[in-house]
Protein backbone atom coordinates (compact mmCIF):
# COMPACT_ATOMS: atom_id res chain seq x y z
CA UNK A 1 104.64 84.01 39.90
CA UNK A 2 107.28 83.41 42.24
CA UNK A 3 106.47 81.16 45.37
CA UNK A 4 107.95 80.91 48.57
CA UNK A 5 109.49 77.59 49.55
CA UNK A 6 107.92 75.57 52.35
CA UNK A 7 111.04 75.74 54.33
CA UNK A 8 111.11 79.55 54.32
CA UNK A 9 107.64 79.91 55.17
CA UNK A 10 107.92 77.47 58.13
CA UNK A 11 111.07 79.45 59.06
CA UNK A 12 109.35 82.67 59.29
CA UNK A 13 106.52 81.29 61.36
CA UNK A 14 108.85 79.82 63.75
CA UNK A 15 111.15 82.79 64.07
CA UNK A 16 108.12 84.82 65.06
CA UNK A 17 107.17 82.43 67.97
CA UNK A 18 109.67 83.78 70.65
CA UNK A 19 108.86 87.35 69.77
CA UNK A 20 105.16 87.04 71.06
CA UNK A 21 106.54 89.07 74.04
CA UNK A 22 107.85 91.86 71.88
CA UNK A 23 104.81 94.36 72.69
CA UNK A 24 105.11 93.48 76.52
CA UNK A 25 108.87 93.98 76.24
CA UNK A 26 108.61 97.41 74.77
CA UNK A 27 106.05 98.53 77.41
CA UNK A 28 108.57 97.06 79.89
CA UNK A 29 111.21 99.32 78.64
CA UNK A 30 109.33 102.19 79.12
CA UNK A 31 108.23 101.33 82.66
CA UNK A 32 112.01 100.97 83.37
CA UNK A 33 112.85 104.25 81.89
CA UNK A 34 110.03 105.81 83.73
CA UNK A 35 111.32 104.02 87.07
CA UNK A 36 114.67 105.73 86.55
CA UNK A 37 113.37 109.20 85.59
CA UNK A 38 111.28 109.12 88.85
CA UNK A 39 114.17 108.04 91.20
CA UNK A 40 116.49 110.66 89.91
CA UNK A 41 113.74 113.38 89.97
CA UNK A 42 113.04 112.46 93.49
CA UNK A 43 116.69 112.45 94.20
CA UNK A 44 116.62 116.14 92.94
CA UNK A 45 113.81 116.94 94.99
CA UNK A 46 115.69 115.85 98.12
CA UNK A 47 119.03 117.66 96.85
CA UNK A 48 116.89 120.99 96.65
CA UNK A 49 114.30 120.54 99.66
CA UNK A 50 113.46 124.43 99.19
CA UNK A 51 111.53 123.65 95.96
CA UNK A 52 114.37 125.06 93.63
CA UNK A 53 114.27 122.21 91.59
CA UNK A 54 113.22 123.94 88.48
CA UNK A 55 115.17 126.99 89.30
CA UNK A 56 118.42 125.07 89.84
CA UNK A 57 121.11 125.62 87.38
CA UNK A 58 122.19 122.83 85.23
CA UNK A 59 125.21 121.56 87.35
CA UNK A 60 127.10 118.28 87.70
CA UNK A 61 124.12 116.57 89.61
CA UNK A 62 121.73 117.15 86.59
CA UNK A 63 124.26 116.20 84.02
CA UNK A 64 125.34 113.16 85.83
CA UNK A 65 121.64 112.27 86.57
CA UNK A 66 120.73 112.48 82.80
CA UNK A 67 123.98 110.67 81.61
CA UNK A 68 123.29 107.95 84.50
CA UNK A 69 119.62 107.36 83.17
CA UNK A 70 120.54 106.87 79.60
CA UNK A 71 123.63 104.60 80.57
CA UNK A 72 121.45 102.65 82.94
CA UNK A 73 118.70 102.26 80.30
CA UNK A 74 121.30 100.97 77.89
CA UNK A 75 122.63 98.63 80.25
CA UNK A 76 119.24 97.15 80.94
CA UNK A 77 119.19 96.38 77.06
CA UNK A 78 122.73 95.21 76.69
CA UNK A 79 122.48 92.86 79.59
CA UNK A 80 119.25 91.19 78.18
CA UNK A 81 117.27 91.97 81.35
CA UNK A 82 114.14 91.81 79.07
CA UNK A 83 115.22 88.55 77.25
CA UNK A 84 111.93 86.48 76.50
CA UNK A 85 113.85 83.42 78.17
CA UNK A 86 114.18 85.08 81.50
CA UNK A 87 111.30 87.45 81.71
CA UNK A 88 108.57 86.11 83.98
CA UNK A 89 110.40 83.05 85.37
CA UNK A 90 113.33 82.12 87.63
CA UNK A 91 115.65 84.40 89.35
CA UNK A 92 117.93 85.08 86.25
CA UNK A 93 115.82 88.26 85.37
CA UNK A 94 116.65 89.69 88.85
CA UNK A 95 120.14 88.82 88.74
CA UNK A 96 120.74 90.70 85.68
CA UNK A 97 118.76 93.67 86.95
CA UNK A 98 121.05 93.87 89.92
CA UNK A 99 124.29 93.33 87.99
CA UNK A 100 123.02 96.30 85.52
CA UNK A 101 122.34 98.63 88.47
CA UNK A 102 125.74 97.65 90.28
CA UNK A 103 127.47 98.30 87.05
CA UNK A 104 125.50 101.72 86.49
CA UNK A 105 126.52 102.65 90.11
CA UNK A 106 130.12 101.69 89.85
CA UNK A 107 130.47 103.34 86.67
CA UNK A 108 129.13 106.75 87.89
CA UNK A 109 131.36 106.55 90.88
CA UNK A 110 134.47 105.93 88.96
CA UNK A 111 133.39 108.64 86.56
CA UNK A 112 132.94 111.23 89.23
CA UNK A 113 136.15 110.30 90.76
CA UNK A 114 138.27 110.74 87.52
CA UNK A 115 136.62 113.87 86.27
CA UNK A 116 136.48 115.39 89.57
CA UNK A 117 132.71 115.96 89.25
CA UNK A 118 131.00 117.72 92.33
CA UNK A 119 127.82 115.34 92.80
CA UNK A 120 126.24 115.01 96.17
CA UNK A 121 126.75 111.74 97.74
CA UNK A 122 123.27 112.12 99.25
CA UNK A 123 121.75 112.62 95.77
CA UNK A 124 123.53 109.53 94.48
CA UNK A 125 122.45 107.37 97.44
CA UNK A 126 118.72 108.19 97.03
CA UNK A 127 118.83 108.06 93.43
CA UNK A 128 120.32 104.52 93.04
CA UNK A 129 118.44 103.05 96.09
CA UNK A 130 115.10 104.51 94.78
CA UNK A 131 115.84 103.47 91.23
CA UNK A 132 116.83 99.68 92.05
CA UNK A 133 113.64 99.51 94.18
CA UNK A 134 111.33 100.94 91.55
CA UNK A 135 112.91 98.70 89.06
CA UNK A 136 112.41 95.67 91.01
CA UNK A 137 108.76 96.43 91.99
CA UNK A 138 108.09 96.97 88.35
CA UNK A 139 109.52 93.91 87.32
CA UNK A 140 107.68 92.01 90.11
CA UNK A 141 104.37 93.72 88.81
CA UNK A 142 105.08 92.72 85.31
CA UNK A 143 105.93 89.16 86.29
CA UNK A 144 102.57 88.88 88.14
CA UNK A 145 100.68 90.05 85.14
CA UNK A 146 102.64 87.77 82.75
CA UNK A 147 102.33 84.71 84.88
CA UNK A 148 98.48 85.43 84.87
CA UNK A 149 98.47 85.93 81.20
CA UNK A 150 100.43 82.79 80.61
CA UNK A 151 98.09 80.85 82.70
CA UNK A 152 95.27 82.16 80.53
CA UNK A 153 97.12 80.70 77.51
CA UNK A 154 98.71 83.84 76.12
CA UNK A 155 102.51 84.75 75.53
CA UNK A 156 103.34 81.07 75.28
CA UNK A 157 105.99 79.51 72.86
CA UNK A 158 104.67 76.17 71.41
CA UNK A 159 107.09 73.28 71.62
CA UNK A 160 107.36 69.58 70.47
CA UNK A 161 108.23 67.11 72.93
CA UNK A 162 110.72 64.43 71.62
CA UNK A 163 111.84 61.23 73.37
CA UNK A 164 110.98 58.06 75.06
CA UNK A 165 107.40 57.82 76.21
CA UNK A 166 108.36 57.77 79.79
CA UNK A 167 110.57 60.85 79.39
CA UNK A 168 108.27 62.64 77.51
CA UNK A 169 105.32 62.11 79.86
CA UNK A 170 107.38 63.19 82.88
CA UNK A 171 108.71 66.51 81.15
CA UNK A 172 105.29 67.14 79.83
CA UNK A 173 103.74 67.13 83.13
CA UNK A 174 106.10 69.49 84.39
CA UNK A 175 105.78 71.97 81.69
CA UNK A 176 101.88 71.86 81.46
CA UNK A 177 101.57 72.17 85.43
CA UNK A 178 103.95 75.30 85.06
CA UNK A 179 102.58 77.57 82.26
CA UNK A 180 104.60 80.61 83.98
CA UNK A 181 107.69 79.01 82.29
CA UNK A 182 106.38 80.10 79.10
CA UNK A 183 106.00 76.78 77.24
CA UNK A 184 102.91 75.01 75.64
CA UNK A 185 103.18 71.37 74.61
CA UNK A 186 101.70 71.32 70.76
CA UNK A 187 102.77 67.75 69.96
CA UNK A 188 104.66 64.67 70.90
CA UNK A 189 106.96 62.67 69.13
CA UNK A 190 107.78 59.50 70.71
CA UNK A 191 108.56 55.84 69.39
CA UNK A 192 106.01 53.26 70.33
CA UNK A 193 103.26 55.43 70.54
CA UNK A 194 101.74 55.90 67.01
CA UNK A 195 98.77 58.03 66.57
CA UNK A 196 96.36 59.09 69.21
CA UNK A 197 96.68 61.50 71.95
CA UNK A 198 98.81 61.57 75.01
CA UNK A 199 97.42 63.05 78.49
CA UNK A 200 99.73 65.55 80.18
CA UNK A 201 99.19 66.54 83.64
CA UNK A 202 96.04 64.55 83.92
CA UNK A 203 94.03 66.69 81.65
CA UNK A 204 95.49 68.27 78.55
CA UNK A 205 95.68 65.62 75.63
CA UNK A 206 98.29 66.51 73.08
CA UNK A 207 98.52 64.64 69.66
CA UNK A 208 101.19 62.29 69.02
CA UNK A 209 102.76 63.45 65.70
CA UNK A 210 105.08 60.72 64.97
CA UNK A 211 108.24 58.94 66.13
CA UNK A 212 111.69 60.45 66.95
CA UNK A 213 113.01 60.25 63.40
CA UNK A 214 110.09 62.51 62.30
CA UNK A 215 111.32 65.68 64.40
CA UNK A 216 112.60 67.68 61.47
CA UNK A 217 109.66 67.31 59.13
CA UNK A 218 107.14 67.85 62.03
CA UNK A 219 109.00 70.85 63.35
CA UNK A 220 108.92 72.58 59.97
CA UNK A 221 105.14 71.79 59.42
CA UNK A 222 103.82 72.62 62.63
CA UNK A 223 105.65 76.11 63.23
CA UNK A 224 106.67 75.50 66.73
CA UNK A 225 109.08 77.89 68.54
CA UNK A 226 111.32 75.02 70.15
CA UNK A 227 111.92 71.38 70.26
CA UNK A 228 112.35 69.83 73.72
CA UNK A 229 114.24 66.67 73.69
CA UNK A 230 113.38 64.87 76.93
CA UNK A 231 115.98 62.42 78.01
CA UNK A 232 118.59 60.56 75.93
CA UNK A 233 118.36 60.46 71.87
CA UNK A 234 119.24 57.40 69.80
CA UNK A 235 122.42 58.21 68.26
CA UNK A 236 123.97 59.95 71.10
CA UNK A 237 125.64 63.39 71.26
CA UNK A 238 126.44 63.57 67.61
CA UNK A 239 122.90 62.96 66.42
CA UNK A 240 121.60 65.67 68.76
CA UNK A 241 124.37 68.04 67.58
CA UNK A 242 123.31 67.51 63.91
CA UNK A 243 119.77 67.97 64.82
CA UNK A 244 120.44 71.04 66.54
CA UNK A 245 122.14 72.53 63.16
CA UNK A 246 119.09 71.64 61.32
CA UNK A 247 116.54 73.01 63.66
CA UNK A 248 118.59 76.23 63.55
CA UNK A 249 118.29 76.57 59.87
CA UNK A 250 114.54 76.80 60.34
CA UNK A 251 114.84 79.18 63.27
CA UNK A 252 113.59 76.46 65.82
CA UNK A 253 115.29 76.40 69.32
CA UNK A 254 116.82 73.26 70.62
CA UNK A 255 116.04 72.61 74.27
CA UNK A 256 117.57 69.57 76.07
CA UNK A 257 115.90 68.36 79.20
CA UNK A 258 118.38 67.62 81.97
CA UNK A 259 118.59 64.10 83.38
CA UNK A 260 118.82 65.68 86.87
CA UNK A 261 115.23 65.82 88.21
CA UNK A 262 114.26 68.26 91.32
CA UNK A 263 117.89 69.50 91.80
CA UNK A 264 118.26 73.18 92.65
CA UNK A 265 120.18 75.17 90.35
CA UNK A 266 122.60 76.41 93.22
CA UNK A 267 123.70 72.77 93.50
CA UNK A 268 124.66 72.42 89.96
CA UNK A 269 128.03 73.62 88.61
CA UNK A 270 129.10 73.48 85.08
CA UNK A 271 132.52 72.57 84.04
CA UNK A 272 133.69 72.50 80.67
CA UNK A 273 136.20 69.96 79.63
CA UNK A 274 137.44 70.36 76.07
CA UNK A 275 133.99 71.60 74.65
CA UNK A 276 132.09 69.05 76.76
CA UNK A 277 129.86 70.77 79.29
CA UNK A 278 129.74 68.73 82.59
CA UNK A 279 127.45 69.23 85.41
CA UNK A 280 128.83 68.79 89.16
CA UNK A 281 126.07 68.08 91.56
CA UNK A 282 126.79 69.03 95.17
CA UNK A 283 125.95 66.45 97.77
CA UNK A 284 122.93 67.66 99.91
CA UNK A 285 123.73 68.77 103.53
CA UNK A 286 121.47 67.22 106.05
CA UNK A 287 123.32 68.07 109.11
CA UNK A 288 121.48 70.16 111.75
CA UNK A 289 121.58 73.82 110.75
CA UNK A 290 122.53 76.33 113.77
CA UNK A 291 121.10 79.41 111.69
CA UNK A 292 117.88 77.53 110.96
CA UNK A 293 117.41 76.41 114.63
CA UNK A 294 118.12 80.19 115.65
CA UNK A 295 115.41 81.58 113.15
CA UNK A 296 113.06 78.69 114.55
CA UNK A 297 113.32 79.75 118.21
CA UNK A 298 113.21 83.59 117.47
CA UNK A 299 110.18 82.85 115.11
CA UNK A 300 108.38 80.73 117.44
CA UNK A 301 108.85 83.02 120.52
CA UNK A 302 107.62 85.94 118.54
CA UNK A 303 104.65 84.07 117.22
CA UNK A 304 103.63 82.65 120.91
CA UNK A 305 103.92 86.10 122.17
CA UNK A 306 101.88 88.15 119.34
CA UNK A 307 99.43 85.28 118.84
CA UNK A 308 98.43 84.57 122.40
CA UNK A 309 95.38 86.83 122.38
CA UNK A 310 94.20 85.03 119.16
CA UNK A 311 94.89 81.69 121.07
CA UNK A 312 92.76 82.47 123.91
CA UNK A 313 89.96 83.41 121.73
CA UNK A 314 90.09 80.10 119.79
CA UNK A 315 90.54 78.06 123.00
CA UNK A 316 87.28 79.60 124.50
CA UNK A 317 85.47 79.13 121.16
CA UNK A 318 86.37 75.40 121.26
CA UNK A 319 85.35 74.87 124.86
CA UNK A 320 82.03 76.71 124.16
CA UNK A 321 81.23 74.62 120.83
CA UNK A 322 81.07 71.11 122.50
CA UNK A 323 82.76 71.39 125.96
CA UNK A 324 85.43 69.16 124.84
CA UNK A 325 89.20 69.41 125.39
CA UNK A 326 90.90 72.38 123.60
CA UNK A 327 94.22 70.70 122.33
CA UNK A 328 94.71 67.46 120.38
CA UNK A 329 97.87 65.51 120.63
CA UNK A 330 98.87 62.84 117.99
CA UNK A 331 102.08 60.86 117.37
CA UNK A 332 104.16 61.90 114.43
CA UNK A 333 107.51 60.91 113.06
CA UNK A 334 110.19 63.49 112.90
CA UNK A 335 113.90 63.73 112.06
CA UNK A 336 115.59 60.41 112.02
CA UNK A 337 112.43 58.42 112.49
CA UNK A 338 111.95 59.52 116.15
CA UNK A 339 108.28 59.99 117.30
CA UNK A 340 107.02 62.99 119.01
CA UNK A 341 103.68 64.34 119.93
CA UNK A 342 102.42 67.08 117.81
CA UNK A 343 100.22 69.70 119.42
CA UNK A 344 97.01 71.34 117.65
CA UNK A 345 93.89 72.90 118.38
CA UNK A 346 91.15 70.31 118.45
CA UNK A 347 89.10 70.59 115.17
CA UNK A 348 87.16 67.14 115.55
CA UNK A 349 84.57 65.71 117.77
CA UNK A 350 86.03 64.01 120.96
CA UNK A 351 85.25 60.38 119.61
CA UNK A 352 86.68 61.13 115.90
CA UNK A 353 89.14 58.28 116.16
CA UNK A 354 86.46 55.86 117.05
CA UNK A 355 84.34 56.90 114.08
CA UNK A 356 87.35 56.75 111.77
CA UNK A 357 86.81 52.96 110.60
CA UNK A 358 83.10 53.90 109.66
CA UNK A 359 84.42 56.51 107.18
CA UNK A 360 87.37 54.41 105.49
CA UNK A 361 85.28 53.41 102.56
CA UNK A 362 84.71 57.15 101.72
CA UNK A 363 88.43 58.07 101.94
CA UNK A 364 89.36 60.69 99.43
CA UNK A 365 93.21 60.98 100.52
CA UNK A 366 95.85 60.06 98.24
CA UNK A 367 98.16 57.14 99.19
CA UNK A 368 98.29 56.31 102.82
CA UNK A 369 96.65 59.58 103.85
CA UNK A 370 92.98 59.69 105.07
CA UNK A 371 91.16 62.75 104.10
CA UNK A 372 87.63 63.81 103.52
CA UNK A 373 86.60 67.14 102.10
CA UNK A 374 83.36 66.83 103.94
CA UNK A 375 84.32 65.06 107.13
CA UNK A 376 81.19 64.79 109.50
CA UNK A 377 83.72 64.51 112.63
CA UNK A 378 84.81 68.11 112.03
CA UNK A 379 83.14 70.66 114.56
CA UNK A 380 81.58 74.00 113.51
CA UNK A 381 84.58 75.92 115.03
CA UNK A 382 87.05 73.35 113.73
CA UNK A 383 85.89 73.85 110.15
CA UNK A 384 86.71 77.42 110.47
CA UNK A 385 90.15 76.63 112.28
CA UNK A 386 91.11 74.37 109.38
CA UNK A 387 90.10 77.08 106.66
CA UNK A 388 92.10 79.48 108.28
CA UNK A 389 94.96 77.24 109.60
CA UNK A 390 94.55 78.48 112.95
CA UNK A 391 94.41 75.04 114.63
CA UNK A 392 98.20 74.74 113.72
CA UNK A 393 99.10 77.68 116.11
CA UNK A 394 100.10 75.29 119.05
CA UNK A 395 102.72 73.87 116.74
CA UNK A 396 104.79 76.81 117.63
CA UNK A 397 105.38 75.10 120.88
CA UNK A 398 106.82 72.01 119.11
CA UNK A 399 109.04 74.46 117.04
CA UNK A 400 110.28 76.03 120.26
CA UNK A 401 111.00 72.59 121.83
CA UNK A 402 112.74 71.43 118.81
CA UNK A 403 110.71 68.57 117.45
CA UNK A 404 109.46 70.79 114.49
CA UNK A 405 110.65 73.57 112.51
CA UNK A 406 108.80 76.67 110.97
CA UNK A 407 109.46 75.28 107.55
CA UNK A 408 110.11 71.66 106.64
CA UNK A 409 108.37 68.57 105.17
CA UNK A 410 104.83 67.58 106.37
CA UNK A 411 105.05 65.76 109.84
CA UNK A 412 104.13 62.23 108.98
CA UNK A 413 102.05 59.82 110.86
CA UNK A 414 103.58 56.24 111.94
CA UNK A 415 101.15 54.52 109.59
CA UNK A 416 102.45 56.63 106.54
CA UNK A 417 106.03 55.84 107.38
CA UNK A 418 105.28 52.22 107.56
CA UNK A 419 103.79 52.44 104.11
CA UNK A 420 106.92 54.29 102.79
CA UNK A 421 108.22 53.20 99.60
CA UNK A 422 110.46 54.53 96.68
CA UNK A 423 112.92 56.38 98.83
CA UNK A 424 109.97 58.50 100.59
CA UNK A 425 111.85 57.70 103.94
CA UNK A 426 114.27 60.34 102.74
CA UNK A 427 111.76 63.01 104.02
CA UNK A 428 112.78 61.97 107.66
CA UNK A 429 116.39 63.43 107.19
CA UNK A 430 115.46 66.74 108.27
CA UNK A 431 112.98 68.07 110.87
CA UNK A 432 109.31 68.32 109.83
CA UNK A 433 107.76 71.85 109.53
CA UNK A 434 104.53 73.84 110.18
CA UNK A 435 104.62 74.84 106.60
CA UNK A 436 106.48 73.71 103.66
CA UNK A 437 106.45 73.31 99.87
CA UNK A 438 103.33 70.76 100.47
CA UNK A 439 101.33 73.67 101.86
CA UNK A 440 101.95 76.42 99.57
CA UNK A 441 101.39 74.29 96.72
CA UNK A 442 98.10 72.80 97.39
CA UNK A 443 97.96 70.75 100.69
CA UNK A 444 95.28 68.19 100.65
CA UNK A 445 94.62 68.92 96.77
CA UNK A 446 97.97 67.35 96.06
CA UNK A 447 98.05 63.65 95.41
CA UNK A 448 100.52 61.58 97.39
CA UNK A 449 103.28 61.30 94.72
CA UNK A 450 103.36 65.01 94.12
CA UNK A 451 103.43 65.68 97.85
CA UNK A 452 106.43 63.30 98.41
CA UNK A 453 108.38 65.02 95.44
CA UNK A 454 107.89 68.37 96.73
CA UNK A 455 109.08 67.24 100.27
CA UNK A 456 112.04 65.69 98.96
CA UNK A 457 112.90 68.64 96.69
CA UNK A 458 112.83 70.67 99.83
CA UNK A 459 114.95 68.10 101.75
CA UNK A 460 117.68 68.01 99.18
CA UNK A 461 117.94 71.63 98.04
CA UNK A 462 117.30 73.49 101.39
CA UNK A 463 118.78 76.96 101.71
CA UNK A 464 117.71 79.90 104.21
CA UNK A 465 116.53 81.92 101.45
CA UNK A 466 114.17 79.10 100.16
CA UNK A 467 112.73 79.13 103.83
CA UNK A 468 111.95 82.71 103.59
CA UNK A 469 110.41 82.25 100.30
CA UNK A 470 108.05 79.49 101.51
CA UNK A 471 107.21 81.58 104.58
CA UNK A 472 106.09 84.49 102.31
CA UNK A 473 103.95 82.19 99.93
CA UNK A 474 102.45 80.83 103.16
CA UNK A 475 100.38 83.91 103.78
CA UNK A 476 98.47 84.07 100.56
CA UNK A 477 98.15 80.22 100.50
CA UNK A 478 96.41 80.36 104.01
CA UNK A 479 94.19 83.29 102.97
CA UNK A 480 93.03 81.29 99.94
CA UNK A 481 92.51 78.30 102.02
CA UNK A 482 93.34 76.06 98.97
CA UNK A 483 93.33 72.46 100.06
CA UNK A 484 92.62 73.22 103.70
CA UNK A 485 90.08 70.57 104.95
């Protein structure tokens, strides 16, 4: 009886790991095709508004439409818009989708010109705009479903983490906290940590399967889909290159963690020097940004005008609740370390500051923050205002006067700034915001270190588009009331 070698068996198991999305990709292909057919059919309806769609003769519009649907569908495949490495995470999927759409439109335009096809420009405009929109909406729906499934532990690629213990812990925490990326840590290979289990992201405990030198044997036995090297590898580039060759024979992908931490892709430019890929990192721009300021002023004015009726109702409710003042002022530290008076609707009793000393022992806040999930100083109306974030409406006045922005780092208390360490003061390089990464990522549920990391990421990687994304994410974050206490 012939037997299959262990290497061959493991190779087959490993090769199948990245293909767990194959059924999803097939259904995605069908929905992409359906989006194209619906878009071009709708364009024909517009082209023949009298209902003669079925009776219309087969002319240039019909032939060009059918050919474009087929060509566009082929482009979606050849440009790898459904590649497992880009589906469900990052912006590369949408960039490829856009490039395929532009290529299809450009090809149709050139072909129509060269062959002198009599195609209605209105038909082409409706078809391509609607097709692009439907493709984007379809992919967004798939991404939402895929993120949910990955959070449940499905459609994940098992990986091994290899490197020094500190690097492995850092990279492992990031992977475990972001299941949408599609990875699941199945084991760790780290020198100086024999046996046992390593806690990643505070909860998941993964087995330590050996040292760095055991990577090839463990990868073959475990049937993982990829090996992630966290940090430098002893032996340098040549050893990493040879390990990549060996892993390739077994169908295991090689993933190398970049030494760059919290640097947006837009700031990184790759330059090849004789086969050596170098990464050039742009220096962040911390200067005042006129476009951001204009956006803040317009947004604050619109917010103050539209939300004035809500603010009046809130003010009356606060006064009726305990008869105290409506607004609460507090000193915060803004851009460049300058202090300003932040304005909020009052959510605590009038003597809240005097009672704080009695509650210090029960503090649940991280780092220098003082927080209580159930704070006895919070009023009945204040509890509702905090859950809905309505207490922050008066900060629109801070935005209008320039001490705050719509989006930015969390405005810090002077006591927090006095306790800053490990470059946390870099948060003060830009104007603080009403909302920011700290709010849309969990607010008070985040520990101090994670909150600082998110704020620094925003400071160093600002972009206008990033601000718009954060504002869009703020709405569901407020509705869920996550970390709002």
